[in-house]
Amino acid sequence: MARMIKLTAWAAEEFGEPVPGIATLSKYAKNGMIFPLPVKVGNCWRVDRSARFTGTQGKPAVYTDDNPVLKRILEDGQTKKI
């Protein structure tokens, strides 16, 4: 039995139905919201069977003298004004 499983299979066990989309799961993996951290193997994320979703651990500090683009990214994730 494999120790690490695909992120989508893990999500079905962790979250149940409805399972978050692959883009959301990839974001969770990239941003360290799963512990132990997933590993990208080829073009597929793999995660330990016993891994847990931890979510965000805190918000980054945004200072008044920060670059406006940086502020926008830290506040709402957008790089451009819409």
PDB file of N, CA and C in Angstrom:
ATOM      1  N   MET A   1       0.847  -1.181   0.000  1.00  0.00           N
ATOM      2  CA  MET A   1       0.000   0.000   0.000  1.00  0.00           C
ATOM      3  C   MET A   1       0.893   1.245   0.000  1.00  0.00           C
ATOM      4  N   ALA A   2       0.551   2.181  -0.852  1.00  0.00           N
ATOM      5  CA  ALA A   2       1.341   3.399  -0.978  1.00  0.00           C
ATOM      6  C   ALA A   2       1.174   4.277   0.258  1.00  0.00           C
ATOM      7  N   ARG A   3       2.258   4.895   0.661  1.00  0.00           N
ATOM      8  CA  ARG A   3       2.221   5.769   1.829  1.00  0.00           C
ATOM      9  C   ARG A   3       1.624   7.118   1.472  1.00  0.00           C
ATOM     10  N   MET A   4       1.916   7.599   0.251  1.00  0.00           N
ATOM     11  CA  MET A   4       1.380   8.892  -0.175  1.00  0.00           C
ATOM     12  C   MET A   4       0.325   8.658  -1.255  1.00  0.00           C
ATOM     13  N   ILE A   5      -0.737   9.462  -1.183  1.00  0.00           N
ATOM     14  CA  ILE A   5      -1.825   9.324  -2.139  1.00  0.00           C
ATOM     15  C   ILE A   5      -2.020  10.648  -2.872  1.00  0.00           C
ATOM     16  N   LYS A   6      -2.755  10.606  -3.970  1.00  0.00           N
ATOM     17  CA  LYS A   6      -3.031  11.830  -4.726  1.00  0.00           C
ATOM     18  C   LYS A   6      -3.852  12.793  -3.871  1.00  0.00           C
ATOM     19  N   LEU A   7      -3.627  14.059  -4.107  1.00  0.00           N
ATOM     20  CA  LEU A   7      -4.301  15.105  -3.345  1.00  0.00           C
ATOM     21  C   LEU A   7      -5.818  14.993  -3.454  1.00  0.00           C
ATOM     22  N   THR A   8      -6.328  14.663  -4.632  1.00  0.00           N
ATOM     23  CA  THR A   8      -7.779  14.561  -4.820  1.00  0.00           C
ATOM     24  C   THR A   8      -8.369  13.404  -4.007  1.00  0.00           C
ATOM     25  N   ALA A   9      -7.663  12.279  -3.950  1.00  0.00           N
ATOM     26  CA  ALA A   9      -8.137  11.136  -3.158  1.00  0.00           C
ATOM     27  C   ALA A   9      -8.114  11.482  -1.664  1.00  0.00           C
ATOM     28  N   TRP A  10      -7.066  12.176  -1.233  1.00  0.00           N
ATOM     29  CA  TRP A  10      -6.973  12.603   0.167  1.00  0.00           C
ATOM     30  C   TRP A  10      -8.111  13.562   0.511  1.00  0.00           C
ATOM     31  N   ALA A  11      -8.419  14.488  -0.412  1.00  0.00           N
ATOM     32  CA  ALA A  11      -9.463  15.482  -0.161  1.00  0.00           C
ATOM     33  C   ALA A  11     -10.824  14.819   0.003  1.00  0.00           C
ATOM     34  N   ALA A  12     -11.076  13.754  -0.756  1.00  0.00           N
ATOM     35  CA  ALA A  12     -12.352  13.046  -0.630  1.00  0.00           C
ATOM     36  C   ALA A  12     -12.490  12.453   0.773  1.00  0.00           C
ATOM     37  N   GLU A  13     -11.386  11.960   1.325  1.00  0.00           N
ATOM     38  CA  GLU A  13     -11.409  11.409   2.688  1.00  0.00           C
ATOM     39  C   GLU A  13     -11.482  12.514   3.745  1.00  0.00           C
ATOM     40  N   GLU A  14     -10.743  13.595   3.523  1.00  0.00           N
ATOM     41  CA  GLU A  14     -10.642  14.677   4.509  1.00  0.00           C
ATOM     42  C   GLU A  14     -11.910  15.526   4.573  1.00  0.00           C
ATOM     43  N   PHE A  15     -12.453  15.902   3.411  1.00  0.00           N
ATOM     44  CA  PHE A  15     -13.568  16.843   3.362  1.00  0.00           C
ATOM     45  C   PHE A  15     -14.922  16.179   3.118  1.00  0.00           C
ATOM     46  N   GLY A  16     -14.940  15.013   2.493  1.00  0.00           N
ATOM     47  CA  GLY A  16     -16.210  14.413   2.112  1.00  0.00           C
ATOM     48  C   GLY A  16     -16.790  15.152   0.915  1.00  0.00           C
ATOM     49  N   GLU A  17     -18.087  15.005   0.692  1.00  0.00           N
ATOM     50  CA  GLU A  17     -18.737  15.674  -0.440  1.00  0.00           C
ATOM     51  C   GLU A  17     -19.293  17.016   0.003  1.00  0.00           C
ATOM     52  N   PRO A  18     -19.221  18.047  -0.791  1.00  0.00           N
ATOM     53  CA  PRO A  18     -18.520  18.153  -2.060  1.00  0.00           C
ATOM     54  C   PRO A  18     -17.021  18.379  -1.835  1.00  0.00           C
ATOM     55  N   VAL A  19     -16.224  17.772  -2.685  1.00  0.00           N
ATOM     56  CA  VAL A  19     -14.762  17.901  -2.605  1.00  0.00           C
ATOM     57  C   VAL A  19     -14.364  19.227  -3.248  1.00  0.00           C
ATOM     58  N   PRO A  20     -13.460  19.995  -2.631  1.00  0.00           N
ATOM     59  CA  PRO A  20     -12.985  21.226  -3.268  1.00  0.00           C
ATOM     60  C   PRO A  20     -12.362  20.935  -4.631  1.00  0.00           C
ATOM     61  N   GLY A  21     -12.384  21.909  -5.512  1.00  0.00           N
ATOM     62  CA  GLY A  21     -11.823  21.759  -6.855  1.00  0.00           C
ATOM     63  C   GLY A  21     -10.312  21.597  -6.820  1.00  0.00           C
ATOM     64  N   ILE A  22      -9.763  21.118  -7.929  1.00  0.00           N
ATOM     65  CA  ILE A  22      -8.321  20.872  -8.017  1.00  0.00           C
ATOM     66  C   ILE A  22      -7.525  22.171  -7.869  1.00  0.00           C
ATOM     67  N   ALA A  23      -8.052  23.284  -8.359  1.00  0.00           N
ATOM     68  CA  ALA A  23      -7.351  24.565  -8.212  1.00  0.00           C
ATOM     69  C   ALA A  23      -7.273  24.969  -6.739  1.00  0.00           C
ATOM     70  N   THR A  24      -8.358  24.771  -6.009  1.00  0.00           N
ATOM     71  CA  THR A  24      -8.378  25.087  -4.587  1.00  0.00           C
ATOM     72  C   THR A  24      -7.432  24.175  -3.819  1.00  0.00           C
ATOM     73  N   LEU A  25      -7.451  22.894  -4.140  1.00  0.00           N
ATOM     74  CA  LEU A  25      -6.567  21.944  -3.466  1.00  0.00           C
ATOM     75  C   LEU A  25      -5.100  22.271  -3.734  1.00  0.00           C
ATOM     76  N   SER A  26      -4.792  22.660  -4.977  1.00  0.00           N
ATOM     77  CA  SER A  26      -3.413  23.040  -5.311  1.00  0.00           C
ATOM     78  C   SER A  26      -2.987  24.269  -4.520  1.00  0.00           C
ATOM     79  N   LYS A  27      -3.906  25.211  -4.354  1.00  0.00           N
ATOM     80  CA  LYS A  27      -3.607  26.412  -3.568  1.00  0.00           C
ATOM     81  C   LYS A  27      -3.333  26.043  -2.114  1.00  0.00           C
ATOM     82  N   TYR A  28      -4.126  25.130  -1.566  1.00  0.00           N
ATOM     83  CA  TYR A  28      -3.899  24.664  -0.201  1.00  0.00           C
ATOM     84  C   TYR A  28      -2.512  24.043  -0.078  1.00  0.00           C
ATOM     85  N   ALA A  29      -2.133  23.233  -1.071  1.00  0.00           N
ATOM     86  CA  ALA A  29      -0.836  22.552  -1.041  1.00  0.00           C
ATOM     87  C   ALA A  29       0.315  23.558  -1.149  1.00  0.00           C
ATOM     88  N   LYS A  30       0.207  24.506  -2.079  1.00  0.00           N
ATOM     89  CA  LYS A  30       1.273  25.494  -2.290  1.00  0.00           C
ATOM     90  C   LYS A  30       1.455  26.426  -1.105  1.00  0.00           C
ATOM     91  N   ASN A  31       0.365  26.751  -0.431  1.00  0.00           N
ATOM     92  CA  ASN A  31       0.418  27.722   0.660  1.00  0.00           C
ATOM     93  C   ASN A  31       0.600  27.106   2.037  1.00  0.00           C
ATOM     94  N   GLY A  32       0.907  25.816   2.094  1.00  0.00           N
ATOM     95  CA  GLY A  32       1.195  25.181   3.372  1.00  0.00           C
ATOM     96  C   GLY A  32      -0.002  25.030   4.284  1.00  0.00           C
ATOM     97  N   MET A  33      -1.192  24.844   3.717  1.00  0.00           N
ATOM     98  CA  MET A  33      -2.395  24.705   4.520  1.00  0.00           C
ATOM     99  C   MET A  33      -2.697  23.249   4.867  1.00  0.00           C
ATOM    100  N   ILE A  34      -1.801  22.343   4.488  1.00  0.00           N
ATOM    101  CA  ILE A  34      -1.946  20.922   4.783  1.00  0.00           C
ATOM    102  C   ILE A  34      -0.678  20.489   5.506  1.00  0.00           C
ATOM    103  N   PHE A  35      -0.843  19.709   6.585  1.00  0.00           N
ATOM    104  CA  PHE A  35       0.325  19.243   7.331  1.00  0.00           C
ATOM    105  C   PHE A  35       0.212  17.754   7.567  1.00  0.00           C
ATOM    106  N   PRO A  36       1.267  16.984   7.318  1.00  0.00           N
ATOM    107  CA  PRO A  36       2.547  17.355   6.743  1.00  0.00           C
ATOM    108  C   PRO A  36       2.400  17.842   5.309  1.00  0.00           C
ATOM    109  N   LEU A  37       3.341  18.662   4.898  1.00  0.00           N
ATOM    110  CA  LEU A  37       3.258  19.317   3.601  1.00  0.00           C
ATOM    111  C   LEU A  37       3.214  18.320   2.447  1.00  0.00           C
ATOM    112  N   PRO A  38       2.344  18.569   1.461  1.00  0.00           N
ATOM    113  CA  PRO A  38       2.303  17.729   0.267  1.00  0.00           C
ATOM    114  C   PRO A  38       3.567  17.913  -0.576  1.00  0.00           C
ATOM    115  N   VAL A  39       3.822  16.952  -1.457  1.00  0.00           N
ATOM    116  CA  VAL A  39       4.984  16.974  -2.337  1.00  0.00           C
ATOM    117  C   VAL A  39       4.483  16.892  -3.765  1.00  0.00           C
ATOM    118  N   LYS A  40       5.028  17.734  -4.636  1.00  0.00           N
ATOM    119  CA  LYS A  40       4.651  17.667  -6.044  1.00  0.00           C
ATOM    120  C   LYS A  40       5.558  16.668  -6.739  1.00  0.00           C
ATOM    121  N   VAL A  41       4.961  15.614  -7.286  1.00  0.00           N
ATOM    122  CA  VAL A  41       5.689  14.573  -7.992  1.00  0.00           C
ATOM    123  C   VAL A  41       5.224  14.608  -9.433  1.00  0.00           C
ATOM    124  N   GLY A  42       6.113  15.057 -10.325  1.00  0.00           N
ATOM    125  CA  GLY A  42       5.707  15.246 -11.722  1.00  0.00           C
ATOM    126  C   GLY A  42       4.724  16.399 -11.796  1.00  0.00           C
ATOM    127  N   ASN A  43       3.536  16.122 -12.302  1.00  0.00           N
ATOM    128  CA  ASN A  43       2.518  17.177 -12.374  1.00  0.00           C
ATOM    129  C   ASN A  43       1.372  16.928 -11.389  1.00  0.00           C
ATOM    130  N   CYS A  44       1.624  16.108 -10.381  1.00  0.00           N
ATOM    131  CA  CYS A  44       0.579  15.685  -9.454  1.00  0.00           C
ATOM    132  C   CYS A  44       1.036  15.895  -8.005  1.00  0.00           C
ATOM    133  N   TRP A  45       0.155  16.452  -7.193  1.00  0.00           N
ATOM    134  CA  TRP A  45       0.449  16.617  -5.765  1.00  0.00           C
ATOM    135  C   TRP A  45       0.183  15.305  -5.046  1.00  0.00           C
ATOM    136  N   ARG A  46       1.091  14.909  -4.161  1.00  0.00           N
ATOM    137  CA  ARG A  46       0.941  13.719  -3.323  1.00  0.00           C
ATOM    138  C   ARG A  46       0.981  14.161  -1.870  1.00  0.00           C
ATOM    139  N   VAL A  47       0.182  13.505  -1.045  1.00  0.00           N
ATOM    140  CA  VAL A  47       0.087  13.880   0.356  1.00  0.00           C
ATOM    141  C   VAL A  47       0.053  12.608   1.204  1.00  0.00           C
ATOM    142  N   ASP A  48       0.598  12.693   2.397  1.00  0.00           N
ATOM    143  CA  ASP A  48       0.587  11.569   3.322  1.00  0.00           C
ATOM    144  C   ASP A  48      -0.856  11.250   3.719  1.00  0.00           C
ATOM    145  N   ARG A  49      -1.166   9.974   3.863  1.00  0.00           N
ATOM    146  CA  ARG A  49      -2.535   9.561   4.203  1.00  0.00           C
ATOM    147  C   ARG A  49      -3.033  10.177   5.510  1.00  0.00           C
ATOM    148  N   SER A  50      -2.130  10.408   6.444  1.00  0.00           N
ATOM    149  CA  SER A  50      -2.535  10.933   7.749  1.00  0.00           C
ATOM    150  C   SER A  50      -2.509  12.457   7.822  1.00  0.00           C
ATOM    151  N   ALA A  51      -2.293  13.124   6.687  1.00  0.00           N
ATOM    152  CA  ALA A  51      -2.212  14.590   6.670  1.00  0.00           C
ATOM    153  C   ALA A  51      -3.561  15.200   7.041  1.00  0.00           C
ATOM    154  N   ARG A  52      -3.499  16.417   7.603  1.00  0.00           N
ATOM    155  CA  ARG A  52      -4.703  17.131   8.009  1.00  0.00           C
ATOM    156  C   ARG A  52      -4.694  18.527   7.398  1.00  0.00           C
ATOM    157  N   PHE A  53      -5.887  19.030   7.111  1.00  0.00           N
ATOM    158  CA  PHE A  53      -6.044  20.397   6.624  1.00  0.00           C
ATOM    159  C   PHE A  53      -5.968  21.331   7.820  1.00  0.00           C
ATOM    160  N   THR A  54      -5.042  22.291   7.773  1.00  0.00           N
ATOM    161  CA  THR A  54      -4.880  23.223   8.885  1.00  0.00           C
ATOM    162  C   THR A  54      -5.409  24.609   8.570  1.00  0.00           C
ATOM    163  N   GLY A  55      -5.578  24.938   7.302  1.00  0.00           N
ATOM    164  CA  GLY A  55      -6.059  26.259   6.915  1.00  0.00           C
ATOM    165  C   GLY A  55      -4.976  27.304   7.101  1.00  0.00           C
ATOM    166  N   THR A  56      -5.373  28.545   7.081  1.00  0.00           N
ATOM    167  CA  THR A  56      -4.408  29.628   7.254  1.00  0.00           C
ATOM    168  C   THR A  56      -4.089  29.783   8.726  1.00  0.00           C
ATOM    169  N   GLN A  57      -2.849  30.079   9.020  1.00  0.00           N
ATOM    170  CA  GLN A  57      -2.402  30.194  10.403  1.00  0.00           C
ATOM    171  C   GLN A  57      -2.355  31.634  10.881  1.00  0.00           C
ATOM    172  N   GLY A  58      -2.410  32.582   9.981  1.00  0.00           N
ATOM    173  CA  GLY A  58      -2.359  33.983  10.375  1.00  0.00           C
ATOM    174  C   GLY A  58      -2.350  34.877   9.152  1.00  0.00           C
ATOM    175  N   LYS A  59      -2.556  36.135   9.369  1.00  0.00           N
ATOM    176  CA  LYS A  59      -2.545  37.103   8.271  1.00  0.00           C
ATOM    177  C   LYS A  59      -1.206  37.823   8.246  1.00  0.00           C
ATOM    178  N   PRO A  60      -0.690  38.119   7.038  1.00  0.00           N
ATOM    179  CA  PRO A  60       0.564  38.855   6.955  1.00  0.00           C
ATOM    180  C   PRO A  60       0.371  40.314   7.387  1.00  0.00           C
ATOM    181  N   ALA A  61       1.414  40.901   7.899  1.00  0.00           N
ATOM    182  CA  ALA A  61       1.357  42.301   8.321  1.00  0.00           C
ATOM    183  C   ALA A  61       1.399  43.203   7.095  1.00  0.00           C
ATOM    184  N   VAL A  62       0.492  44.170   7.025  1.00  0.00           N
ATOM    185  CA  VAL A  62       0.439  45.142   5.936  1.00  0.00           C
ATOM    186  C   VAL A  62       0.722  46.504   6.546  1.00  0.00           C
ATOM    187  N   TYR A  63       1.770  47.147   6.037  1.00  0.00           N
ATOM    188  CA  TYR A  63       2.193  48.443   6.575  1.00  0.00           C
ATOM    189  C   TYR A  63       1.799  49.565   5.624  1.00  0.00           C
ATOM    190  N   THR A  64       1.633  50.779   6.153  1.00  0.00           N
ATOM    191  CA  THR A  64       1.207  51.917   5.341  1.00  0.00           C
ATOM    192  C   THR A  64       2.226  52.293   4.283  1.00  0.00           C
ATOM    193  N   ASP A  65       3.516  52.033   4.527  1.00  0.00           N
ATOM    194  CA  ASP A  65       4.538  52.410   3.548  1.00  0.00           C
ATOM    195  C   ASP A  65       4.864  51.280   2.561  1.00  0.00           C
ATOM    196  N   ASP A  66       4.087  50.198   2.560  1.00  0.00           N
ATOM    197  CA  ASP A  66       4.289  49.115   1.592  1.00  0.00           C
ATOM    198  C   ASP A  66       3.890  49.565   0.197  1.00  0.00           C
ATOM    199  N   ASN A  67       4.485  48.934  -0.791  1.00  0.00           N
ATOM    200  CA  ASN A  67       4.140  49.179  -2.185  1.00  0.00           C
ATOM    201  C   ASN A  67       2.648  48.883  -2.381  1.00  0.00           C
ATOM    202  N   PRO A  68       1.922  49.724  -3.143  1.00  0.00           N
ATOM    203  CA  PRO A  68       0.480  49.508  -3.333  1.00  0.00           C
ATOM    204  C   PRO A  68       0.142  48.135  -3.945  1.00  0.00           C
ATOM    205  N   VAL A  69       0.978  47.654  -4.851  1.00  0.00           N
ATOM    206  CA  VAL A  69       0.729  46.339  -5.443  1.00  0.00           C
ATOM    207  C   VAL A  69       0.873  45.253  -4.376  1.00  0.00           C
ATOM    208  N   LEU A  70       1.901  45.363  -3.539  1.00  0.00           N
ATOM    209  CA  LEU A  70       2.094  44.399  -2.462  1.00  0.00           C
ATOM    210  C   LEU A  70       0.906  44.420  -1.500  1.00  0.00           C
ATOM    211  N   LYS A  71       0.430  45.615  -1.154  1.00  0.00           N
ATOM    212  CA  LYS A  71      -0.725  45.729  -0.271  1.00  0.00           C
ATOM    213  C   LYS A  71      -1.932  45.011  -0.850  1.00  0.00           C
ATOM    214  N   ARG A  72      -2.175  45.223  -2.152  1.00  0.00           N
ATOM    215  CA  ARG A  72      -3.323  44.612  -2.806  1.00  0.00           C
ATOM    216  C   ARG A  72      -3.209  43.076  -2.792  1.00  0.00           C
ATOM    217  N   ILE A  73      -2.007  42.567  -3.044  1.00  0.00           N
ATOM    218  CA  ILE A  73      -1.797  41.117  -3.036  1.00  0.00           C
ATOM    219  C   ILE A  73      -2.021  40.551  -1.641  1.00  0.00           C
ATOM    220  N   LEU A  74      -1.475  41.211  -0.620  1.00  0.00           N
ATOM    221  CA  LEU A  74      -1.616  40.711   0.746  1.00  0.00           C
ATOM    222  C   LEU A  74      -3.046  40.817   1.262  1.00  0.00           C
ATOM    223  N   GLU A  75      -3.787  41.817   0.804  1.00  0.00           N
ATOM    224  CA  GLU A  75      -5.143  42.020   1.301  1.00  0.00           C
ATOM    225  C   GLU A  75      -6.172  41.148   0.608  1.00  0.00           C
ATOM    226  N   ASP A  76      -6.090  41.055  -0.729  1.00  0.00           N
ATOM    227  CA  ASP A  76      -7.135  40.272  -1.411  1.00  0.00           C
ATOM    228  C   ASP A  76      -6.619  39.332  -2.489  1.00  0.00           C
ATOM    229  N   GLY A  77      -5.303  39.210  -2.647  1.00  0.00           N
ATOM    230  CA  GLY A  77      -4.736  38.250  -3.584  1.00  0.00           C
ATOM    231  C   GLY A  77      -4.711  38.717  -5.026  1.00  0.00           C
ATOM    232  N   GLN A  78      -5.173  39.924  -5.327  1.00  0.00           N
ATOM    233  CA  GLN A  78      -5.203  40.411  -6.697  1.00  0.00           C
ATOM    234  C   GLN A  78      -3.928  41.183  -7.022  1.00  0.00           C
ATOM    235  N   THR A  79      -3.395  40.943  -8.229  1.00  0.00           N
ATOM    236  CA  THR A  79      -2.202  41.674  -8.651  1.00  0.00           C
ATOM    237  C   THR A  79      -2.552  42.911  -9.454  1.00  0.00           C
ATOM    238  N   LYS A  80      -3.772  42.970  -9.986  1.00  0.00           N
ATOM    239  CA  LYS A  80      -4.203  44.119 -10.791  1.00  0.00           C
ATOM    240  C   LYS A  80      -5.555  44.598 -10.305  1.00  0.00           C
ATOM    241  N   LYS A  81      -5.810  45.897 -10.504  1.00  0.00           N
ATOM    242  CA  LYS A  81      -7.140  46.421 -10.185  1.00  0.00           C
ATOM    243  C   LYS A  81      -8.120  45.925 -11.235  1.00  0.00           C
ATOM    244  N   ILE A  82      -9.295  45.601 -10.770  1.00  0.00           N
ATOM    245  CA  ILE A  82     -10.323  45.106 -11.701  1.00  0.00           C
ATOM    246  C   ILE A  82     -11.316  46.196 -11.999  1.00  0.00           C
TER     247      ILE A  82
END
